[in-house]
Protein backbone atom coordinates (compact mmCIF):
# COMPACT_ATOMS: atom_id res chain seq x y z
CA MET A 1 -21.81 -13.00 0.20
CA LEU A 2 -21.16 -9.40 -0.76
CA ARG A 3 -18.33 -9.31 1.79
CA LYS A 4 -16.72 -12.34 0.24
CA ILE A 5 -16.96 -10.88 -3.27
CA SER A 6 -15.45 -7.64 -2.13
CA ALA A 7 -12.70 -9.47 -0.25
CA ALA A 8 -11.94 -11.54 -3.34
CA PHE A 9 -11.70 -8.55 -5.56
CA ALA A 10 -9.59 -6.63 -3.05
CA ALA A 11 -7.29 -9.60 -2.52
CA GLY A 12 -6.61 -9.87 -6.20
CA ALA A 13 -6.08 -6.15 -6.57
CA VAL A 14 -3.65 -6.02 -3.60
CA GLY A 15 -1.73 -8.94 -5.00
CA ALA A 16 -1.62 -7.21 -8.38
CA VAL A 17 -0.28 -3.98 -6.90
CA VAL A 18 2.53 -5.86 -5.14
CA ILE A 19 3.58 -7.76 -8.23
CA ALA A 20 3.22 -4.71 -10.45
CA PHE A 21 5.70 -2.71 -8.43
CA PHE A 22 7.93 -5.75 -7.93
CA SER A 23 7.95 -6.30 -11.64
CA TRP A 24 8.71 -2.65 -12.31
CA TYR A 25 11.58 -2.79 -9.74
CA LEU A 26 13.07 -5.84 -11.43
CA GLY A 27 12.92 -4.18 -14.82
CA ASP A 28 14.12 -0.83 -13.66
CA THR A 29 17.18 -2.20 -11.85
CA GLY A 30 18.11 -4.31 -14.87
CA MET A 31 17.61 -7.69 -13.06
CA LEU A 32 15.28 -8.95 -15.75
CA ALA A 33 17.76 -8.02 -18.48
CA ARG A 34 20.51 -9.88 -16.66
CA VAL A 35 18.55 -13.10 -16.97
CA GLY A 36 17.58 -12.49 -20.62
CA ILE A 37 14.08 -11.10 -20.15
CA ASN A 38 13.50 -7.97 -22.18
CA LEU A 39 10.54 -6.46 -20.28
CA HIS A 40 10.67 -2.79 -19.06
CA PRO A 41 7.34 -1.97 -17.41
CA ALA A 42 6.66 1.76 -17.02
CA PRO A 43 4.83 2.63 -13.92
CA THR A 44 2.16 4.90 -15.44
CA PRO A 45 -1.34 5.16 -14.06
CA GLU A 46 -2.76 3.32 -17.03
CA TRP A 47 -0.31 0.47 -16.58
CA LEU A 48 -1.10 0.17 -12.87
CA TYR A 49 -4.83 0.52 -13.38
CA GLY A 50 -4.93 -2.39 -15.83
CA LYS A 51 -2.96 -4.60 -13.46
CA VAL A 52 -5.15 -3.73 -10.51
CA VAL A 53 -8.45 -4.27 -12.27
CA TRP A 54 -7.40 -7.58 -13.83
CA GLY A 55 -5.89 -8.69 -10.48
CA GLY A 56 -9.24 -7.97 -8.85
CA VAL A 57 -11.11 -9.89 -11.50
CA TRP A 58 -8.80 -12.86 -11.14
CA GLY A 59 -9.29 -12.53 -7.39
CA GLY A 60 -12.81 -13.88 -8.02
CA LEU A 61 -11.20 -17.32 -8.16
CA PHE A 62 -10.91 -17.20 -4.36
CA LEU A 63 -14.66 -17.51 -4.16
CA LEU A 64 -14.32 -21.12 -5.24
CA PRO A 65 -14.25 -23.51 -2.31
CA LEU A 66 -11.00 -25.21 -3.34
CA LEU A 67 -7.99 -25.74 -1.17
CA VAL A 68 -9.35 -23.27 1.45
CA ALA A 69 -7.31 -24.84 4.25
CA ARG A 70 -4.09 -24.47 2.27
CA PRO A 71 -3.67 -20.86 1.20
CA LEU A 72 -0.15 -21.31 -0.26
CA LEU A 73 -1.28 -24.14 -2.52
CA GLN A 74 -4.53 -22.36 -3.24
CA GLY A 75 -2.74 -19.24 -4.35
CA ALA A 76 -0.23 -21.30 -6.45
CA VAL A 77 -2.99 -23.25 -8.17
CA PHE A 78 -5.20 -20.19 -8.80
CA SER A 79 -2.24 -18.29 -10.25
CA LEU A 80 -2.21 -20.71 -13.20
CA ALA A 81 -5.33 -19.07 -14.64
CA PRO A 82 -3.88 -15.54 -15.02
CA SER A 83 -0.57 -17.05 -16.09
CA ALA A 84 -2.31 -18.97 -18.95
CA ALA A 85 -4.22 -15.87 -19.92
CA ALA A 86 -1.05 -13.80 -20.05
CA LEU A 87 1.02 -16.40 -21.91
CA PHE A 88 -1.57 -17.60 -24.37
CA TYR A 89 -3.84 -14.53 -24.94
CA PHE A 90 -2.47 -11.18 -23.81
CA MET A 91 1.12 -11.59 -24.81
CA PRO A 92 0.39 -13.07 -28.26
CA ARG A 93 -2.17 -10.24 -28.91
CA GLY A 94 0.57 -7.70 -27.99
CA THR A 95 4.09 -7.68 -29.37
CA LEU A 96 5.56 -10.42 -27.18
CA GLY A 97 4.33 -13.48 -29.07
CA LEU A 98 3.15 -16.83 -27.82
CA LEU A 99 4.37 -17.44 -24.28
CA GLY A 100 6.06 -14.04 -24.37
CA LEU A 101 9.03 -15.58 -26.02
CA HIS A 102 9.87 -12.39 -28.05
CA ALA A 103 10.86 -10.95 -24.66
CA GLY A 104 13.29 -13.80 -23.94
CA PRO A 105 13.35 -17.57 -23.40
CA TYR A 106 12.73 -17.24 -19.63
CA THR A 107 9.70 -15.03 -19.85
CA PRO A 108 7.24 -17.93 -19.33
CA VAL A 109 8.97 -18.92 -16.11
CA TYR A 110 9.06 -15.35 -14.95
CA VAL A 111 5.31 -14.94 -15.64
CA LEU A 112 4.54 -18.14 -13.75
CA LEU A 113 6.66 -17.19 -10.72
CA LEU A 114 5.29 -13.67 -10.59
CA ASN A 115 1.75 -14.93 -10.71
CA VAL A 116 2.47 -17.44 -7.94
CA LEU A 117 3.52 -14.49 -5.91
CA TRP A 118 0.21 -12.78 -6.80
CA GLY A 119 -1.74 -15.93 -5.84
CA VAL A 120 -0.07 -16.34 -2.48
CA ILE A 121 -0.47 -12.71 -1.51
CA ALA A 122 -4.07 -12.68 -2.69
CA ALA A 123 -4.91 -15.97 -0.85
CA PHE A 124 -3.67 -14.61 2.47
CA TRP A 125 -5.36 -11.22 1.86
CA TYR A 126 -8.64 -12.98 1.09
CA ARG A 127 -8.39 -15.02 4.30
CA LEU A 128 -7.95 -11.78 6.26
CA GLY A 129 -10.76 -9.92 4.50
CA SER A 130 -13.39 -12.59 4.25
CA LYS A 131 -13.72 -13.48 7.91
């Protein structure tokens, strides 16, 4: 069981590292601004640490025996939990408002798509690490 817990945390953390740097790249190159999303993540150690830890915590979802045979769907479904937390809790508590709409009208779509990427990466990483 410890192996599965470790694999789940690692899977979530790996997915978080990938989407953190992808998000930074999109913001740094101005791609987010081109579609009306005003987010400019700064790749500081504190910023990355928070993403990795929360990604690992959300990776615990992969311990649930749901959709195990379909990792793409599993990752997409499990990504809804961190998306909801970001859109309804973390963003409103910060400066981005409910659904992150202060950063632009497409921010919710961006958050959902970014977290689907996290979920798919984490699902495949978990499959590799939990065997």
